[in-house]
Amino acid sequence: RHMWENMKLQFKGTEYKNLLWRAAGAGTERSWELHMQA
């Protein structure tokens, strides 16, 4: 949450927030790589 507070100073918008949380919550590396690619 604090990481997003720093990130949104440069990249605003719900889409950035949702993608960050999806990447952070991914349980497997393959799923994490897909969210990072998004």
PDB file of all heavy atoms in Angstrom:
ATOM      1  N   ARG A   1       0.835  -1.204   0.000  1.00  0.00           N
ATOM      2  CA  ARG A   1       0.000   0.000   0.000  1.00  0.00           C
ATOM      3  C   ARG A   1       0.873   1.258   0.000  1.00  0.00           C
ATOM      4  O   ARG A   1       0.606   2.215  -0.727  1.00  0.00           O
ATOM      5  CB  ARG A   1      -0.933   0.021   1.212  1.00  0.00           C
ATOM      6  CG  ARG A   1      -1.954   1.152   1.156  1.00  0.00           C
ATOM      7  CD  ARG A   1      -2.845   1.160   2.375  1.00  0.00           C
ATOM      8  NE  ARG A   1      -2.123   1.576   3.561  1.00  0.00           N
ATOM      9  CZ  ARG A   1      -1.906   2.853   3.884  1.00  0.00           C
ATOM     10  NH1 ARG A   1      -2.315   3.818   3.083  1.00  0.00           N
ATOM     11  NH2 ARG A   1      -1.278   3.159   4.990  1.00  0.00           N
ATOM     12  N   HIS A   2       1.917   1.264   0.822  1.00  0.00           N
ATOM     13  CA  HIS A   2       2.823   2.407   0.838  1.00  0.00           C
ATOM     14  C   HIS A   2       3.649   2.465  -0.454  1.00  0.00           C
ATOM     15  O   HIS A   2       4.026   3.548  -0.912  1.00  0.00           O
ATOM     16  CB  HIS A   2       3.740   2.327   2.052  1.00  0.00           C
ATOM     17  CG  HIS A   2       3.038   2.586   3.346  1.00  0.00           C
ATOM     18  ND1 HIS A   2       2.462   1.593   4.095  1.00  0.00           N
ATOM     19  CD2 HIS A   2       2.796   3.743   4.009  1.00  0.00           C
ATOM     20  CE1 HIS A   2       1.906   2.112   5.173  1.00  0.00           C
ATOM     21  NE2 HIS A   2       2.092   3.415   5.138  1.00  0.00           N
ATOM     22  N   MET A   3       3.932   1.304  -1.011  1.00  0.00           N
ATOM     23  CA  MET A   3       4.638   1.277  -2.294  1.00  0.00           C
ATOM     24  C   MET A   3       3.800   1.946  -3.379  1.00  0.00           C
ATOM     25  O   MET A   3       4.319   2.693  -4.225  1.00  0.00           O
ATOM     26  CB  MET A   3       4.946  -0.181  -2.661  1.00  0.00           C
ATOM     27  CG  MET A   3       5.795  -0.363  -3.891  1.00  0.00           C
ATOM     28  SD  MET A   3       6.200  -2.107  -4.137  1.00  0.00           S
ATOM     29  CE  MET A   3       6.990  -2.042  -5.739  1.00  0.00           C
ATOM     30  N   TRP A   4       2.482   1.675  -3.355  1.00  0.00           N
ATOM     31  CA  TRP A   4       1.593   2.316  -4.329  1.00  0.00           C
ATOM     32  C   TRP A   4       1.505   3.821  -4.081  1.00  0.00           C
ATOM     33  O   TRP A   4       1.395   4.602  -5.031  1.00  0.00           O
ATOM     34  CB  TRP A   4       0.205   1.682  -4.284  1.00  0.00           C
ATOM     35  CG  TRP A   4      -0.854   2.535  -4.918  1.00  0.00           C
ATOM     36  CD1 TRP A   4      -1.916   3.125  -4.313  1.00  0.00           C
ATOM     37  CD2 TRP A   4      -0.936   2.910  -6.304  1.00  0.00           C
ATOM     38  NE1 TRP A   4      -2.656   3.842  -5.217  1.00  0.00           N
ATOM     39  CE2 TRP A   4      -2.073   3.727  -6.458  1.00  0.00           C
ATOM     40  CE3 TRP A   4      -0.153   2.636  -7.419  1.00  0.00           C
ATOM     41  CZ2 TRP A   4      -2.449   4.264  -7.668  1.00  0.00           C
ATOM     42  CZ3 TRP A   4      -0.529   3.185  -8.640  1.00  0.00           C
ATOM     43  CH2 TRP A   4      -1.665   3.986  -8.759  1.00  0.00           C
ATOM     44  N   GLU A   5       1.546   4.249  -2.807  1.00  0.00           N
ATOM     45  CA  GLU A   5       1.500   5.675  -2.508  1.00  0.00           C
ATOM     46  C   GLU A   5       2.670   6.399  -3.166  1.00  0.00           C
ATOM     47  O   GLU A   5       2.538   7.535  -3.611  1.00  0.00           O
ATOM     48  CB  GLU A   5       1.526   5.902  -0.989  1.00  0.00           C
ATOM     49  CG  GLU A   5       0.297   5.417  -0.254  1.00  0.00           C
ATOM     50  CD  GLU A   5      -0.958   6.147  -0.674  1.00  0.00           C
ATOM     51  OE1 GLU A   5      -0.864   7.350  -0.982  1.00  0.00           O
ATOM     52  OE2 GLU A   5      -2.029   5.517  -0.717  1.00  0.00           O
ATOM     53  N   ASN A   6       3.838   5.755  -3.207  1.00  0.00           N
ATOM     54  CA  ASN A   6       4.988   6.354  -3.880  1.00  0.00           C
ATOM     55  C   ASN A   6       4.850   6.273  -5.401  1.00  0.00           C
ATOM     56  O   ASN A   6       5.232   7.203  -6.119  1.00  0.00           O
ATOM     57  CB  ASN A   6       6.277   5.649  -3.445  1.00  0.00           C
ATOM     58  CG  ASN A   6       6.578   5.865  -1.979  1.00  0.00           C
ATOM     59  OD1 ASN A   6       6.192   6.876  -1.404  1.00  0.00           O
ATOM     60  ND2 ASN A   6       7.267   4.925  -1.362  1.00  0.00           N
ATOM     61  N   MET A   7       4.302   5.160  -5.886  1.00  0.00           N
ATOM     62  CA  MET A   7       4.200   4.965  -7.327  1.00  0.00           C
ATOM     63  C   MET A   7       3.211   5.940  -7.950  1.00  0.00           C
ATOM     64  O   MET A   7       3.441   6.455  -9.055  1.00  0.00           O
ATOM     65  CB  MET A   7       3.784   3.520  -7.616  1.00  0.00           C
ATOM     66  CG  MET A   7       3.648   3.193  -9.089  1.00  0.00           C
ATOM     67  SD  MET A   7       3.137   1.477  -9.367  1.00  0.00           S
ATOM     68  CE  MET A   7       2.964   1.464 -11.159  1.00  0.00           C
ATOM     69  N   LYS A   8       2.110   6.209  -7.258  1.00  0.00           N
ATOM     70  CA  LYS A   8       1.061   7.035  -7.868  1.00  0.00           C
ATOM     71  C   LYS A   8       1.448   8.503  -7.962  1.00  0.00           C
ATOM     72  O   LYS A   8       0.729   9.287  -8.593  1.00  0.00           O
ATOM     73  CB  LYS A   8      -0.251   6.887  -7.093  1.00  0.00           C
ATOM     74  CG  LYS A   8      -0.297   7.611  -5.761  1.00  0.00           C
ATOM     75  CD  LYS A   8      -1.663   7.434  -5.128  1.00  0.00           C
ATOM     76  CE  LYS A   8      -1.809   8.236  -3.844  1.00  0.00           C
ATOM     77  NZ  LYS A   8      -3.132   8.054  -3.231  1.00  0.00           N
ATOM     78  N   LEU A   9       2.581   8.886  -7.357  1.00  0.00           N
ATOM     79  CA  LEU A   9       3.064  10.247  -7.542  1.00  0.00           C
ATOM     80  C   LEU A   9       3.480  10.486  -8.990  1.00  0.00           C
ATOM     81  O   LEU A   9       3.449  11.619  -9.473  1.00  0.00           O
ATOM     82  CB  LEU A   9       4.247  10.526  -6.607  1.00  0.00           C
ATOM     83  CG  LEU A   9       3.952  10.458  -5.105  1.00  0.00           C
ATOM     84  CD1 LEU A   9       5.225  10.680  -4.312  1.00  0.00           C
ATOM     85  CD2 LEU A   9       2.893  11.486  -4.706  1.00  0.00           C
ATOM     86  N   GLN A  10       3.892   9.410  -9.680  1.00  0.00           N
ATOM     87  CA  GLN A  10       4.292   9.517 -11.089  1.00  0.00           C
ATOM     88  C   GLN A  10       3.273   8.889 -12.039  1.00  0.00           C
ATOM     89  O   GLN A  10       3.103   9.368 -13.157  1.00  0.00           O
ATOM     90  CB  GLN A  10       5.651   8.841 -11.296  1.00  0.00           C
ATOM     91  CG  GLN A  10       6.769   9.386 -10.437  1.00  0.00           C
ATOM     92  CD  GLN A  10       8.080   8.664 -10.693  1.00  0.00           C
ATOM     93  OE1 GLN A  10       8.414   8.344 -11.831  1.00  0.00           O
ATOM     94  NE2 GLN A  10       8.813   8.377  -9.632  1.00  0.00           N
ATOM     95  N   PHE A  11       2.615   7.815 -11.572  1.00  0.00           N
ATOM     96  CA  PHE A  11       1.700   7.072 -12.444  1.00  0.00           C
ATOM     97  C   PHE A  11       0.336   6.986 -11.769  1.00  0.00           C
ATOM     98  O   PHE A  11       0.106   6.144 -10.905  1.00  0.00           O
ATOM     99  CB  PHE A  11       2.259   5.671 -12.720  1.00  0.00           C
ATOM    100  CG  PHE A  11       3.693   5.679 -13.177  1.00  0.00           C
ATOM    101  CD1 PHE A  11       4.711   5.395 -12.283  1.00  0.00           C
ATOM    102  CD2 PHE A  11       4.020   5.985 -14.485  1.00  0.00           C
ATOM    103  CE1 PHE A  11       6.037   5.406 -12.684  1.00  0.00           C
ATOM    104  CE2 PHE A  11       5.338   5.996 -14.906  1.00  0.00           C
ATOM    105  CZ  PHE A  11       6.360   5.714 -14.004  1.00  0.00           C
ATOM    106  N   LYS A  12      -0.537   7.878 -12.154  1.00  0.00           N
ATOM    107  CA  LYS A  12      -1.852   7.951 -11.520  1.00  0.00           C
ATOM    108  C   LYS A  12      -2.862   7.119 -12.295  1.00  0.00           C
ATOM    109  O   LYS A  12      -2.737   6.947 -13.505  1.00  0.00           O
ATOM    110  CB  LYS A  12      -2.318   9.401 -11.439  1.00  0.00           C
ATOM    111  CG  LYS A  12      -1.364  10.316 -10.682  1.00  0.00           C
ATOM    112  CD  LYS A  12      -1.910  11.720 -10.624  1.00  0.00           C
ATOM    113  CE  LYS A  12      -0.919  12.662  -9.952  1.00  0.00           C
ATOM    114  NZ  LYS A  12      -0.698  12.300  -8.553  1.00  0.00           N
ATOM    115  N   GLY A  13      -3.853   6.610 -11.586  1.00  0.00           N
ATOM    116  CA  GLY A  13      -4.926   5.880 -12.241  1.00  0.00           C
ATOM    117  C   GLY A  13      -5.189   4.534 -11.602  1.00  0.00           C
ATOM    118  O   GLY A  13      -4.284   3.887 -11.065  1.00  0.00           O
ATOM    119  N   THR A  14      -6.452   4.124 -11.660  1.00  0.00           N
ATOM    120  CA  THR A  14      -6.848   2.847 -11.058  1.00  0.00           C
ATOM    121  C   THR A  14      -6.207   1.661 -11.768  1.00  0.00           C
ATOM    122  O   THR A  14      -5.925   0.643 -11.130  1.00  0.00           O
ATOM    123  CB  THR A  14      -8.382   2.717 -11.109  1.00  0.00           C
ATOM    124  OG1 THR A  14      -8.983   3.862 -10.516  1.00  0.00           O
ATOM    125  CG2 THR A  14      -8.845   1.469 -10.364  1.00  0.00           C
ATOM    126  N   GLU A  15      -5.956   1.785 -13.068  1.00  0.00           N
ATOM    127  CA  GLU A  15      -5.401   0.669 -13.822  1.00  0.00           C
ATOM    128  C   GLU A  15      -3.992   0.330 -13.341  1.00  0.00           C
ATOM    129  O   GLU A  15      -3.644  -0.843 -13.197  1.00  0.00           O
ATOM    130  CB  GLU A  15      -5.394   0.991 -15.314  1.00  0.00           C
ATOM    131  CG  GLU A  15      -5.175  -0.226 -16.197  1.00  0.00           C
ATOM    132  CD  GLU A  15      -5.475   0.050 -17.645  1.00  0.00           C
ATOM    133  OE1 GLU A  15      -5.808   1.203 -17.972  1.00  0.00           O
ATOM    134  OE2 GLU A  15      -5.376  -0.891 -18.453  1.00  0.00           O
ATOM    135  N   TYR A  16      -3.193   1.356 -13.067  1.00  0.00           N
ATOM    136  CA  TYR A  16      -1.849   1.118 -12.524  1.00  0.00           C
ATOM    137  C   TYR A  16      -1.941   0.422 -11.161  1.00  0.00           C
ATOM    138  O   TYR A  16      -1.201  -0.518 -10.879  1.00  0.00           O
ATOM    139  CB  TYR A  16      -1.094   2.439 -12.372  1.00  0.00           C
ATOM    140  CG  TYR A  16      -0.644   3.064 -13.659  1.00  0.00           C
ATOM    141  CD1 TYR A  16      -1.281   4.198 -14.159  1.00  0.00           C
ATOM    142  CD2 TYR A  16       0.433   2.547 -14.373  1.00  0.00           C
ATOM    143  CE1 TYR A  16      -0.868   4.789 -15.337  1.00  0.00           C
ATOM    144  CE2 TYR A  16       0.853   3.134 -15.556  1.00  0.00           C
ATOM    145  CZ  TYR A  16       0.201   4.256 -16.035  1.00  0.00           C
ATOM    146  OH  TYR A  16       0.612   4.844 -17.203  1.00  0.00           O
ATOM    147  N   LYS A  17      -2.864   0.899 -10.338  1.00  0.00           N
ATOM    148  CA  LYS A  17      -3.018   0.340  -8.990  1.00  0.00           C
ATOM    149  C   LYS A  17      -3.429  -1.123  -9.044  1.00  0.00           C
ATOM    150  O   LYS A  17      -2.862  -1.970  -8.341  1.00  0.00           O
ATOM    151  CB  LYS A  17      -4.065   1.155  -8.218  1.00  0.00           C
ATOM    152  CG  LYS A  17      -4.356   0.633  -6.829  1.00  0.00           C
ATOM    153  CD  LYS A  17      -5.429   1.464  -6.147  1.00  0.00           C
ATOM    154  CE  LYS A  17      -5.744   0.924  -4.763  1.00  0.00           C
ATOM    155  NZ  LYS A  17      -6.810   1.726  -4.102  1.00  0.00           N
ATOM    156  N   ASN A  18      -4.414  -1.442  -9.873  1.00  0.00           N
ATOM    157  CA  ASN A  18      -4.897  -2.820  -9.959  1.00  0.00           C
ATOM    158  C   ASN A  18      -3.817  -3.769 -10.464  1.00  0.00           C
ATOM    159  O   ASN A  18      -3.665  -4.886  -9.958  1.00  0.00           O
ATOM    160  CB  ASN A  18      -6.126  -2.880 -10.865  1.00  0.00           C
ATOM    161  CG  ASN A  18      -7.325  -2.159 -10.271  1.00  0.00           C
ATOM    162  OD1 ASN A  18      -7.392  -1.948  -9.062  1.00  0.00           O
ATOM    163  ND2 ASN A  18      -8.266  -1.778 -11.113  1.00  0.00           N
ATOM    164  N   LEU A  19      -3.043  -3.331 -11.462  1.00  0.00           N
ATOM    165  CA  LEU A  19      -1.993  -4.191 -12.006  1.00  0.00           C
ATOM    166  C   LEU A  19      -0.881  -4.423 -10.986  1.00  0.00           C
ATOM    167  O   LEU A  19      -0.333  -5.525 -10.892  1.00  0.00           O
ATOM    168  CB  LEU A  19      -1.423  -3.570 -13.282  1.00  0.00           C
ATOM    169  CG  LEU A  19      -2.337  -3.609 -14.516  1.00  0.00           C
ATOM    170  CD1 LEU A  19      -1.706  -2.848 -15.672  1.00  0.00           C
ATOM    171  CD2 LEU A  19      -2.638  -5.042 -14.923  1.00  0.00           C
ATOM    172  N   LEU A  20      -0.560  -3.392 -10.206  1.00  0.00           N
ATOM    173  CA  LEU A  20       0.473  -3.552  -9.173  1.00  0.00           C
ATOM    174  C   LEU A  20       0.029  -4.560  -8.120  1.00  0.00           C
ATOM    175  O   LEU A  20       0.799  -5.446  -7.718  1.00  0.00           O
ATOM    176  CB  LEU A  20       0.774  -2.206  -8.521  1.00  0.00           C
ATOM    177  CG  LEU A  20       1.756  -2.256  -7.338  1.00  0.00           C
ATOM    178  CD1 LEU A  20       3.147  -2.699  -7.805  1.00  0.00           C
ATOM    179  CD2 LEU A  20       1.836  -0.892  -6.642  1.00  0.00           C
ATOM    180  N   TRP A  21      -1.217  -4.451  -7.671  1.00  0.00           N
ATOM    181  CA  TRP A  21      -1.710  -5.358  -6.643  1.00  0.00           C
ATOM    182  C   TRP A  21      -1.845  -6.788  -7.175  1.00  0.00           C
ATOM    183  O   TRP A  21      -1.618  -7.746  -6.437  1.00  0.00           O
ATOM    184  CB  TRP A  21      -3.055  -4.862  -6.110  1.00  0.00           C
ATOM    185  CG  TRP A  21      -2.887  -3.834  -5.037  1.00  0.00           C
ATOM    186  CD1 TRP A  21      -2.992  -2.481  -5.168  1.00  0.00           C
ATOM    187  CD2 TRP A  21      -2.573  -4.069  -3.664  1.00  0.00           C
ATOM    188  NE1 TRP A  21      -2.770  -1.868  -3.962  1.00  0.00           N
ATOM    189  CE2 TRP A  21      -2.514  -2.816  -3.023  1.00  0.00           C
ATOM    190  CE3 TRP A  21      -2.346  -5.220  -2.910  1.00  0.00           C
ATOM    191  CZ2 TRP A  21      -2.227  -2.680  -1.668  1.00  0.00           C
ATOM    192  CZ3 TRP A  21      -2.074  -5.090  -1.555  1.00  0.00           C
ATOM    193  CH2 TRP A  21      -2.011  -3.829  -0.948  1.00  0.00           C
ATOM    194  N   ARG A  22      -2.208  -6.930  -8.448  1.00  0.00           N
ATOM    195  CA  ARG A  22      -2.296  -8.277  -9.024  1.00  0.00           C
ATOM    196  C   ARG A  22      -0.923  -8.919  -9.106  1.00  0.00           C
ATOM    197  O   ARG A  22      -0.757 -10.108  -8.824  1.00  0.00           O
ATOM    198  CB  ARG A  22      -2.932  -8.200 -10.416  1.00  0.00           C
ATOM    199  CG  ARG A  22      -4.432  -7.883 -10.401  1.00  0.00           C
ATOM    200  CD  ARG A  22      -4.936  -7.585 -11.797  1.00  0.00           C
ATOM    201  NE  ARG A  22      -6.312  -7.104 -11.786  1.00  0.00           N
ATOM    202  CZ  ARG A  22      -6.911  -6.542 -12.827  1.00  0.00           C
ATOM    203  NH1 ARG A  22      -6.242  -6.399 -13.972  1.00  0.00           N
ATOM    204  NH2 ARG A  22      -8.168  -6.127 -12.735  1.00  0.00           N
ATOM    205  N   ALA A  23       0.081  -8.132  -9.490  1.00  0.00           N
ATOM    206  CA  ALA A  23       1.438  -8.662  -9.553  1.00  0.00           C
ATOM    207  C   ALA A  23       1.947  -9.013  -8.156  1.00  0.00           C
ATOM    208  O   ALA A  23       2.600 -10.047  -7.963  1.00  0.00           O
ATOM    209  CB  ALA A  23       2.367  -7.643 -10.215  1.00  0.00           C
ATOM    210  N   ALA A  24       1.632  -8.163  -7.162  1.00  0.00           N
ATOM    211  CA  ALA A  24       2.089  -8.424  -5.787  1.00  0.00           C
ATOM    212  C   ALA A  24       1.406  -9.647  -5.195  1.00  0.00           C
ATOM    213  O   ALA A  24       2.011 -10.397  -4.426  1.00  0.00           O
ATOM    214  CB  ALA A  24       1.826  -7.205  -4.912  1.00  0.00           C
ATOM    215  N   GLY A  25       0.135  -9.882  -5.539  1.00  0.00           N
ATOM    216  CA  GLY A  25      -0.609 -10.992  -4.952  1.00  0.00           C
ATOM    217  C   GLY A  25      -0.488 -12.304  -5.689  1.00  0.00           C
ATOM    218  O   GLY A  25      -1.028 -13.317  -5.231  1.00  0.00           O
ATOM    219  N   ALA A  26       0.227 -12.334  -6.821  1.00  0.00           N
ATOM    220  CA  ALA A  26       0.374 -13.577  -7.589  1.00  0.00           C
ATOM    221  C   ALA A  26       1.142 -14.606  -6.774  1.00  0.00           C
ATOM    222  O   ALA A  26       2.175 -14.308  -6.177  1.00  0.00           O
ATOM    223  CB  ALA A  26       1.078 -13.297  -8.909  1.00  0.00           C
ATOM    224  N   GLY A  27       0.648 -15.844  -6.783  1.00  0.00           N
ATOM    225  CA  GLY A  27       1.285 -16.901  -6.000  1.00  0.00           C
ATOM    226  C   GLY A  27       2.420 -17.606  -6.719  1.00  0.00           C
ATOM    227  O   GLY A  27       3.311 -18.160  -6.072  1.00  0.00           O
ATOM    228  N   THR A  28       2.408 -17.592  -8.038  1.00  0.00           N
ATOM    229  CA  THR A  28       3.437 -18.279  -8.822  1.00  0.00           C
ATOM    230  C   THR A  28       4.208 -17.268  -9.670  1.00  0.00           C
ATOM    231  O   THR A  28       3.691 -16.199 -10.017  1.00  0.00           O
ATOM    232  CB  THR A  28       2.821 -19.345  -9.738  1.00  0.00           C
ATOM    233  OG1 THR A  28       1.937 -18.701 -10.677  1.00  0.00           O
ATOM    234  CG2 THR A  28       2.027 -20.357  -8.917  1.00  0.00           C
ATOM    235  N   GLU A  29       5.444 -17.632 -10.010  1.00  0.00           N
ATOM    236  CA  GLU A  29       6.282 -16.736 -10.802  1.00  0.00           C
ATOM    237  C   GLU A  29       5.709 -16.532 -12.196  1.00  0.00           C
ATOM    238  O   GLU A  29       5.821 -15.448 -12.768  1.00  0.00           O
ATOM    239  CB  GLU A  29       7.700 -17.292 -10.887  1.00  0.00           C
ATOM    240  CG  GLU A  29       8.469 -17.224  -9.574  1.00  0.00           C
ATOM    241  CD  GLU A  29       9.943 -17.508  -9.761  1.00  0.00           C
ATOM    242  OE1 GLU A  29      10.463 -17.226 -10.866  1.00  0.00           O
ATOM    243  OE2 GLU A  29      10.569 -18.014  -8.828  1.00  0.00           O
ATOM    244  N   ARG A  30       5.113 -17.579 -12.767  1.00  0.00           N
ATOM    245  CA  ARG A  30       4.523 -17.464 -14.104  1.00  0.00           C
ATOM    246  C   ARG A  30       3.387 -16.438 -14.101  1.00  0.00           C
ATOM    247  O   ARG A  30       3.301 -15.594 -14.992  1.00  0.00           O
ATOM    248  CB  ARG A  30       4.012 -18.828 -14.572  1.00  0.00           C
ATOM    249  CG  ARG A  30       3.315 -18.819 -15.919  1.00  0.00           C
ATOM    250  CD  ARG A  30       4.188 -18.245 -17.009  1.00  0.00           C
ATOM    251  NE  ARG A  30       3.506 -18.225 -18.296  1.00  0.00           N
ATOM    252  CZ  ARG A  30       3.877 -17.466 -19.318  1.00  0.00           C
ATOM    253  NH1 ARG A  30       4.919 -16.655 -19.213  1.00  0.00           N
ATOM    254  NH2 ARG A  30       3.210 -17.522 -20.454  1.00  0.00           N
ATOM    255  N   SER A  31       2.531 -16.494 -13.102  1.00  0.00           N
ATOM    256  CA  SER A  31       1.438 -15.526 -13.000  1.00  0.00           C
ATOM    257  C   SER A  31       1.987 -14.121 -12.773  1.00  0.00           C
ATOM    258  O   SER A  31       1.478 -13.139 -13.334  1.00  0.00           O
ATOM    259  CB  SER A  31       0.503 -15.928 -11.863  1.00  0.00           C
ATOM    260  OG  SER A  31      -0.543 -14.998 -11.703  1.00  0.00           O
ATOM    261  N   TRP A  32       3.038 -14.009 -11.964  1.00  0.00           N
ATOM    262  CA  TRP A  32       3.658 -12.704 -11.703  1.00  0.00           C
ATOM    263  C   TRP A  32       4.230 -12.112 -12.992  1.00  0.00           C
ATOM    264  O   TRP A  32       4.088 -10.909 -13.259  1.00  0.00           O
ATOM    265  CB  TRP A  32       4.756 -12.879 -10.664  1.00  0.00           C
ATOM    266  CG  TRP A  32       5.542 -11.639 -10.370  1.00  0.00           C
ATOM    267  CD1 TRP A  32       5.156 -10.573  -9.615  1.00  0.00           C
ATOM    268  CD2 TRP A  32       6.864 -11.331 -10.844  1.00  0.00           C
ATOM    269  NE1 TRP A  32       6.150  -9.628  -9.576  1.00  0.00           N
ATOM    270  CE2 TRP A  32       7.216 -10.065 -10.320  1.00  0.00           C
ATOM    271  CE3 TRP A  32       7.785 -12.006 -11.641  1.00  0.00           C
ATOM    272  CZ2 TRP A  32       8.444  -9.468 -10.581  1.00  0.00           C
ATOM    273  CZ3 TRP A  32       9.002 -11.412 -11.895  1.00  0.00           C
ATOM    274  CH2 TRP A  32       9.337 -10.162 -11.373  1.00  0.00           C
ATOM    275  N   GLU A  33       4.873 -12.949 -13.805  1.00  0.00           N
ATOM    276  CA  GLU A  33       5.444 -12.478 -15.061  1.00  0.00           C
ATOM    277  C   GLU A  33       4.359 -11.963 -16.011  1.00  0.00           C
ATOM    278  O   GLU A  33       4.564 -10.969 -16.724  1.00  0.00           O
ATOM    279  CB  GLU A  33       6.233 -13.604 -15.724  1.00  0.00           C
ATOM    280  CG  GLU A  33       7.512 -13.978 -14.983  1.00  0.00           C
ATOM    281  CD  GLU A  33       8.158 -15.223 -15.551  1.00  0.00           C
ATOM    282  OE1 GLU A  33       7.546 -15.829 -16.475  1.00  0.00           O
ATOM    283  OE2 GLU A  33       9.248 -15.605 -15.090  1.00  0.00           O
ATOM    284  N   LEU A  34       3.197 -12.630 -16.018  1.00  0.00           N
ATOM    285  CA  LEU A  34       2.103 -12.181 -16.882  1.00  0.00           C
ATOM    286  C   LEU A  34       1.586 -10.813 -16.451  1.00  0.00           C
ATOM    287  O   LEU A  34       1.322  -9.948 -17.293  1.00  0.00           O
ATOM    288  CB  LEU A  34       0.969 -13.212 -16.860  1.00  0.00           C
ATOM    289  CG  LEU A  34       1.266 -14.567 -17.512  1.00  0.00           C
ATOM    290  CD1 LEU A  34       0.106 -15.522 -17.300  1.00  0.00           C
ATOM    291  CD2 LEU A  34       1.545 -14.392 -19.010  1.00  0.00           C
ATOM    292  N   HIS A  35       1.452 -10.592 -15.129  1.00  0.00           N
ATOM    293  CA  HIS A  35       0.979  -9.297 -14.639  1.00  0.00           C
ATOM    294  C   HIS A  35       2.030  -8.210 -14.864  1.00  0.00           C
ATOM    295  O   HIS A  35       1.676  -7.056 -15.164  1.00  0.00           O
ATOM    296  CB  HIS A  35       0.624  -9.396 -13.160  1.00  0.00           C
ATOM    297  CG  HIS A  35      -0.568 -10.261 -12.876  1.00  0.00           C
ATOM    298  ND1 HIS A  35      -1.786 -10.075 -13.491  1.00  0.00           N
ATOM    299  CD2 HIS A  35      -0.734 -11.319 -12.038  1.00  0.00           C
ATOM    300  CE1 HIS A  35      -2.655 -10.974 -13.063  1.00  0.00           C
ATOM    301  NE2 HIS A  35      -2.029 -11.740 -12.174  1.00  0.00           N
ATOM    302  N   MET A  36       3.304  -8.555 -14.733  1.00  0.00           N
ATOM    303  CA  MET A  36       4.356  -7.581 -14.995  1.00  0.00           C
ATOM    304  C   MET A  36       4.394  -7.206 -16.477  1.00  0.00           C
ATOM    305  O   MET A  36       4.637  -6.048 -16.830  1.00  0.00           O
ATOM    306  CB  MET A  36       5.703  -8.135 -14.554  1.00  0.00           C
ATOM    307  CG  MET A  36       5.870  -8.277 -13.041  1.00  0.00           C
ATOM    308  SD  MET A  36       5.750  -6.692 -12.175  1.00  0.00           S
ATOM    309  CE  MET A  36       7.190  -5.852 -12.816  1.00  0.00           C
ATOM    310  N   GLN A  37       4.135  -8.170 -17.339  1.00  0.00           N
ATOM    311  CA  GLN A  37       4.080  -7.883 -18.773  1.00  0.00           C
ATOM    312  C   GLN A  37       2.911  -6.964 -19.088  1.00  0.00           C
ATOM    313  O   GLN A  37       3.010  -6.098 -19.967  1.00  0.00           O
ATOM    314  CB  GLN A  37       3.955  -9.191 -19.556  1.00  0.00           C
ATOM    315  CG  GLN A  37       4.003  -9.031 -21.066  1.00  0.00           C
ATOM    316  CD  GLN A  37       5.315  -8.423 -21.558  1.00  0.00           C
ATOM    317  OE1 GLN A  37       6.393  -8.790 -21.082  1.00  0.00           O
ATOM    318  NE2 GLN A  37       5.229  -7.505 -22.509  1.00  0.00           N
ATOM    319  N   ALA A  38       1.795  -7.127 -18.359  1.00  0.00           N
ATOM    320  CA  ALA A  38       0.640  -6.245 -18.554  1.00  0.00           C
ATOM    321  C   ALA A  38       0.997  -4.808 -18.166  1.00  0.00           C
ATOM    322  O   ALA A  38       0.563  -3.852 -18.829  1.00  0.00           O
ATOM    323  CB  ALA A  38      -0.539  -6.744 -17.735  1.00  0.00           C
TER     324      ALA A  38
END
